[in-house]
Amino acid sequence: MVKNSVQHRIERAKRVRMKISGTKIRPRLVLRRSGYTLYAQAVDDDTGQVIMGLTGKGKNTEAAKELGARSAKALAGRKFKSVVFDRGSNKYHGVVKAFADALREGGIKV
């Protein structure tokens, strides 16, 4: 069976997702990249609830750093000290790395 890029992306996301899970104490922080912007959500997988959701203002590394800093501030305001980072189907490089580094600078253990 010939697979296209969308099917490969879905398989990569499933491989990452099978290994991680968020809890009430340590939620899963999902980074979603669209063609225009970045989205970050903190999810409690035990109850299936979204704890926090933020949207970035672009899709470059500067926007990722700004979204990471805002996410760290929002998570610290809700008394979270660490999260499980869900990069989805994205490589840990560029925008994803900038986002995670900004979280660490904000005091959140990734």
N, C-alpha and C. Protein backbone atom coordinates (compact mmCIF):
# COMPACT_ATOMS: atom_id res chain seq x y z
N MET A 1 0.84 -1.18 0.00
CA MET A 1 0.00 0.00 0.00
C MET A 1 0.88 1.24 0.00
N VAL A 2 0.62 2.15 -0.89
CA VAL A 2 1.37 3.39 -0.97
C VAL A 2 0.75 4.39 0.00
N LYS A 3 1.59 4.98 0.85
CA LYS A 3 1.09 5.93 1.83
C LYS A 3 1.50 7.34 1.44
N ASN A 4 0.63 8.28 1.71
CA ASN A 4 0.97 9.67 1.43
C ASN A 4 1.48 10.35 2.70
N SER A 5 1.83 11.60 2.59
CA SER A 5 2.46 12.30 3.71
C SER A 5 1.50 12.45 4.90
N VAL A 6 0.22 12.58 4.66
CA VAL A 6 -0.74 12.72 5.75
C VAL A 6 -0.80 11.43 6.57
N GLN A 7 -0.79 10.30 5.91
CA GLN A 7 -0.83 9.03 6.61
C GLN A 7 0.45 8.81 7.42
N HIS A 8 1.60 9.23 6.87
CA HIS A 8 2.85 9.12 7.61
C HIS A 8 2.83 10.01 8.85
N ARG A 9 2.28 11.22 8.72
CA ARG A 9 2.19 12.14 9.85
C ARG A 9 1.30 11.57 10.95
N ILE A 10 0.20 10.97 10.58
CA ILE A 10 -0.71 10.38 11.55
C ILE A 10 -0.04 9.22 12.28
N GLU A 11 0.70 8.39 11.56
CA GLU A 11 1.41 7.27 12.19
C GLU A 11 2.47 7.76 13.17
N ARG A 12 3.22 8.82 12.80
CA ARG A 12 4.22 9.38 13.71
C ARG A 12 3.56 9.91 14.98
N ALA A 13 2.43 10.59 14.83
CA ALA A 13 1.72 11.12 16.00
C ALA A 13 1.23 9.99 16.90
N LYS A 14 0.75 8.91 16.32
CA LYS A 14 0.28 7.77 17.11
C LYS A 14 1.42 7.13 17.89
N ARG A 15 2.61 7.01 17.26
CA ARG A 15 3.76 6.43 17.95
C ARG A 15 4.14 7.25 19.17
N VAL A 16 4.12 8.57 19.03
CA VAL A 16 4.45 9.44 20.17
C VAL A 16 3.35 9.34 21.22
N ARG A 17 2.11 9.35 20.80
CA ARG A 17 0.97 9.39 21.70
C ARG A 17 0.82 8.11 22.52
N MET A 18 1.26 6.96 21.96
CA MET A 18 1.15 5.70 22.69
C MET A 18 2.07 5.67 23.90
N LYS A 19 3.12 6.45 23.90
CA LYS A 19 4.12 6.40 24.95
C LYS A 19 3.87 7.40 26.08
N ILE A 20 3.00 8.37 25.86
CA ILE A 20 2.81 9.42 26.87
C ILE A 20 1.34 9.53 27.26
N SER A 21 1.12 10.04 28.48
CA SER A 21 -0.22 10.27 28.97
C SER A 21 -0.16 11.31 30.07
N GLY A 22 -1.13 12.21 30.10
CA GLY A 22 -1.17 13.25 31.11
C GLY A 22 -2.05 12.85 32.28
N THR A 23 -1.77 13.41 33.44
CA THR A 23 -2.56 13.16 34.64
C THR A 23 -3.02 14.49 35.21
N LYS A 24 -3.76 14.41 36.30
CA LYS A 24 -4.24 15.63 36.95
C LYS A 24 -3.08 16.44 37.53
N ILE A 25 -2.06 15.74 38.00
CA ILE A 25 -0.90 16.42 38.60
C ILE A 25 0.09 16.88 37.54
N ARG A 26 0.26 16.06 36.50
CA ARG A 26 1.22 16.37 35.43
C ARG A 26 0.51 16.22 34.09
N PRO A 27 -0.10 17.30 33.58
CA PRO A 27 -0.89 17.20 32.35
C PRO A 27 -0.01 17.04 31.11
N ARG A 28 -0.65 16.59 30.05
CA ARG A 28 0.03 16.48 28.75
C ARG A 28 -0.11 17.82 28.04
N LEU A 29 1.01 18.41 27.63
CA LEU A 29 1.01 19.68 26.93
C LEU A 29 1.18 19.41 25.44
N VAL A 30 0.14 19.68 24.67
CA VAL A 30 0.12 19.39 23.25
C VAL A 30 0.47 20.66 22.48
N LEU A 31 1.43 20.54 21.56
CA LEU A 31 1.76 21.65 20.66
C LEU A 31 1.27 21.28 19.28
N ARG A 32 0.41 22.10 18.72
CA ARG A 32 -0.16 21.87 17.39
C ARG A 32 0.30 22.98 16.47
N ARG A 33 0.85 22.61 15.33
CA ARG A 33 1.28 23.58 14.32
C ARG A 33 0.34 23.52 13.14
N SER A 34 -0.26 24.64 12.80
CA SER A 34 -1.06 24.70 11.59
C SER A 34 -0.26 25.48 10.54
N GLY A 35 -0.85 25.74 9.42
CA GLY A 35 -0.17 26.49 8.38
C GLY A 35 0.01 27.95 8.73
N TYR A 36 -0.75 28.43 9.72
CA TYR A 36 -0.74 29.86 10.02
C TYR A 36 -0.33 30.20 11.45
N THR A 37 -0.57 29.31 12.39
CA THR A 37 -0.34 29.66 13.79
C THR A 37 0.01 28.42 14.61
N LEU A 38 0.28 28.64 15.88
CA LEU A 38 0.61 27.58 16.84
C LEU A 38 -0.46 27.53 17.92
N TYR A 39 -0.75 26.35 18.41
CA TYR A 39 -1.72 26.15 19.47
C TYR A 39 -1.08 25.30 20.57
N ALA A 40 -1.37 25.63 21.82
CA ALA A 40 -0.88 24.84 22.95
C ALA A 40 -2.07 24.52 23.86
N GLN A 41 -2.17 23.25 24.26
CA GLN A 41 -3.23 22.82 25.16
C GLN A 41 -2.65 21.91 26.23
N ALA A 42 -3.11 22.11 27.45
CA ALA A 42 -2.76 21.20 28.55
C ALA A 42 -3.98 20.31 28.77
N VAL A 43 -3.76 18.98 28.74
CA VAL A 43 -4.87 18.02 28.77
C VAL A 43 -4.66 17.04 29.92
N ASP A 44 -5.73 16.79 30.67
CA ASP A 44 -5.76 15.74 31.68
C ASP A 44 -6.38 14.52 31.01
N ASP A 45 -5.58 13.52 30.68
CA ASP A 45 -6.07 12.34 29.96
C ASP A 45 -6.91 11.42 30.82
N ASP A 46 -6.80 11.51 32.14
CA ASP A 46 -7.62 10.66 33.01
C ASP A 46 -9.09 11.03 32.89
N THR A 47 -9.38 12.33 32.84
CA THR A 47 -10.77 12.79 32.73
C THR A 47 -11.12 13.25 31.32
N GLY A 48 -10.12 13.45 30.47
CA GLY A 48 -10.37 13.90 29.11
C GLY A 48 -10.68 15.37 29.00
N GLN A 49 -10.24 16.16 29.97
CA GLN A 49 -10.55 17.58 29.98
C GLN A 49 -9.35 18.42 29.58
N VAL A 50 -9.62 19.52 28.88
CA VAL A 50 -8.58 20.48 28.54
C VAL A 50 -8.47 21.45 29.71
N ILE A 51 -7.27 21.55 30.27
CA ILE A 51 -7.05 22.42 31.43
C ILE A 51 -6.77 23.85 30.99
N MET A 52 -6.00 23.99 29.91
CA MET A 52 -5.61 25.31 29.44
C MET A 52 -5.43 25.25 27.93
N GLY A 53 -5.77 26.30 27.24
CA GLY A 53 -5.56 26.38 25.80
C GLY A 53 -5.14 27.78 25.40
N LEU A 54 -4.08 27.89 24.60
CA LEU A 54 -3.59 29.19 24.14
C LEU A 54 -3.29 29.12 22.65
N THR A 55 -3.35 30.28 21.99
CA THR A 55 -3.05 30.38 20.57
C THR A 55 -1.92 31.37 20.38
N GLY A 56 -1.00 31.04 19.46
CA GLY A 56 0.12 31.92 19.16
C GLY A 56 -0.26 32.94 18.11
N LYS A 57 0.70 33.82 17.79
CA LYS A 57 0.46 34.87 16.79
C LYS A 57 1.43 34.71 15.63
N GLY A 58 1.52 33.53 15.09
CA GLY A 58 2.43 33.24 13.98
C GLY A 58 2.91 31.82 14.11
N LYS A 59 3.86 31.45 13.22
CA LYS A 59 4.34 30.07 13.26
C LYS A 59 5.85 29.97 13.23
N ASN A 60 6.57 31.08 13.47
CA ASN A 60 8.02 31.02 13.47
C ASN A 60 8.56 30.81 14.89
N THR A 61 9.88 30.78 15.04
CA THR A 61 10.47 30.48 16.34
C THR A 61 10.21 31.60 17.36
N GLU A 62 10.13 32.83 16.90
CA GLU A 62 9.83 33.93 17.83
C GLU A 62 8.42 33.77 18.40
N ALA A 63 7.47 33.41 17.56
CA ALA A 63 6.10 33.16 18.03
C ALA A 63 6.06 31.98 18.98
N ALA A 64 6.89 30.96 18.71
CA ALA A 64 6.94 29.79 19.58
C ALA A 64 7.50 30.15 20.95
N LYS A 65 8.53 30.99 20.98
CA LYS A 65 9.10 31.44 22.26
C LYS A 65 8.07 32.23 23.06
N GLU A 66 7.34 33.09 22.39
CA GLU A 66 6.33 33.92 23.07
C GLU A 66 5.19 33.05 23.60
N LEU A 67 4.74 32.07 22.78
CA LEU A 67 3.68 31.16 23.22
C LEU A 67 4.16 30.28 24.37
N GLY A 68 5.42 29.84 24.33
CA GLY A 68 5.99 29.04 25.41
C GLY A 68 6.05 29.81 26.72
N ALA A 69 6.42 31.08 26.64
CA ALA A 69 6.48 31.92 27.85
C ALA A 69 5.07 32.13 28.42
N ARG A 70 4.09 32.40 27.54
CA ARG A 70 2.71 32.58 28.00
C ARG A 70 2.15 31.29 28.59
N SER A 71 2.49 30.16 27.98
CA SER A 71 2.03 28.86 28.50
C SER A 71 2.63 28.57 29.87
N ALA A 72 3.92 28.88 30.03
CA ALA A 72 4.58 28.66 31.32
C ALA A 72 3.93 29.51 32.41
N LYS A 73 3.60 30.74 32.07
CA LYS A 73 2.96 31.63 33.04
C LYS A 73 1.56 31.12 33.41
N ALA A 74 0.80 30.65 32.41
CA ALA A 74 -0.54 30.13 32.66
C ALA A 74 -0.49 28.85 33.48
N LEU A 75 0.47 27.96 33.18
CA LEU A 75 0.59 26.71 33.94
C LEU A 75 1.05 26.98 35.37
N ALA A 76 1.97 27.91 35.54
CA ALA A 76 2.44 28.26 36.89
C ALA A 76 1.30 28.88 37.70
N GLY A 77 0.43 29.63 37.04
CA GLY A 77 -0.72 30.22 37.71
C GLY A 77 -1.71 29.17 38.19
N ARG A 78 -1.70 28.01 37.54
CA ARG A 78 -2.57 26.90 37.95
C ARG A 78 -1.83 25.88 38.81
N LYS A 79 -0.65 26.26 39.29
CA LYS A 79 0.15 25.47 40.25
C LYS A 79 0.76 24.20 39.65
N PHE A 80 1.02 24.19 38.34
CA PHE A 80 1.70 23.06 37.71
C PHE A 80 3.18 23.36 37.64
N LYS A 81 4.00 22.36 37.99
CA LYS A 81 5.45 22.53 37.95
C LYS A 81 6.10 21.73 36.83
N SER A 82 5.39 20.70 36.34
CA SER A 82 5.93 19.88 35.26
C SER A 82 4.79 19.40 34.37
N VAL A 83 5.13 19.12 33.11
CA VAL A 83 4.16 18.63 32.14
C VAL A 83 4.80 17.51 31.33
N VAL A 84 3.95 16.74 30.66
CA VAL A 84 4.41 15.74 29.69
C VAL A 84 4.26 16.40 28.33
N PHE A 85 5.36 16.57 27.61
CA PHE A 85 5.34 17.31 26.35
C PHE A 85 4.96 16.39 25.20
N ASP A 86 3.90 16.75 24.48
CA ASP A 86 3.42 16.00 23.32
C ASP A 86 3.72 16.82 22.07
N ARG A 87 4.74 16.41 21.34
CA ARG A 87 5.13 17.13 20.13
C ARG A 87 4.36 16.68 18.91
N GLY A 88 3.50 15.67 19.08
CA GLY A 88 2.71 15.16 17.96
C GLY A 88 3.58 14.51 16.92
N SER A 89 3.39 14.87 15.67
CA SER A 89 4.17 14.28 14.59
C SER A 89 5.38 15.14 14.21
N ASN A 90 5.62 16.19 14.99
CA ASN A 90 6.71 17.12 14.67
C ASN A 90 8.04 16.66 15.25
N LYS A 91 9.11 16.95 14.54
CA LYS A 91 10.44 16.68 15.06
C LYS A 91 10.76 17.68 16.15
N TYR A 92 11.62 17.27 17.09
CA TYR A 92 12.03 18.17 18.17
C TYR A 92 13.14 19.06 17.61
N HIS A 93 12.74 20.08 16.86
CA HIS A 93 13.68 20.93 16.15
C HIS A 93 12.98 22.24 15.81
N GLY A 94 13.69 23.33 15.77
CA GLY A 94 13.13 24.59 15.31
C GLY A 94 12.05 25.13 16.24
N VAL A 95 10.83 25.23 15.73
CA VAL A 95 9.71 25.81 16.47
C VAL A 95 9.39 24.99 17.71
N VAL A 96 9.40 23.67 17.60
CA VAL A 96 9.06 22.81 18.74
C VAL A 96 10.11 22.96 19.84
N LYS A 97 11.37 23.01 19.46
CA LYS A 97 12.45 23.16 20.43
C LYS A 97 12.39 24.54 21.09
N ALA A 98 12.11 25.59 20.31
CA ALA A 98 12.00 26.94 20.86
C ALA A 98 10.86 27.02 21.87
N PHE A 99 9.75 26.36 21.58
CA PHE A 99 8.61 26.33 22.50
C PHE A 99 8.98 25.64 23.82
N ALA A 100 9.62 24.48 23.72
CA ALA A 100 10.01 23.72 24.92
C ALA A 100 11.06 24.48 25.73
N ASP A 101 12.00 25.13 25.08
CA ASP A 101 13.02 25.91 25.79
C ASP A 101 12.39 27.09 26.54
N ALA A 102 11.40 27.74 25.92
CA ALA A 102 10.72 28.85 26.58
C ALA A 102 9.93 28.36 27.79
N LEU A 103 9.36 27.17 27.71
CA LEU A 103 8.67 26.59 28.87
C LEU A 103 9.64 26.37 30.02
N ARG A 104 10.81 25.82 29.70
CA ARG A 104 11.83 25.57 30.74
C ARG A 104 12.30 26.88 31.37
N GLU A 105 12.49 27.91 30.55
CA GLU A 105 12.90 29.21 31.07
C GLU A 105 11.83 29.80 31.97
N GLY A 106 10.57 29.46 31.72
CA GLY A 106 9.47 29.93 32.54
C GLY A 106 9.28 29.13 33.82
N GLY A 107 10.10 28.10 34.04
CA GLY A 107 10.04 27.35 35.29
C GLY A 107 9.24 26.06 35.23
N ILE A 108 8.82 25.64 34.05
CA ILE A 108 8.06 24.41 33.91
C ILE A 108 9.00 23.29 33.47
N LYS A 109 8.97 22.18 34.19
CA LYS A 109 9.80 21.03 33.85
C LYS A 109 9.15 20.25 32.73
N VAL A 110 9.86 20.11 31.61
CA VAL A 110 9.34 19.41 30.43
C VAL A 110 10.02 18.07 30.31
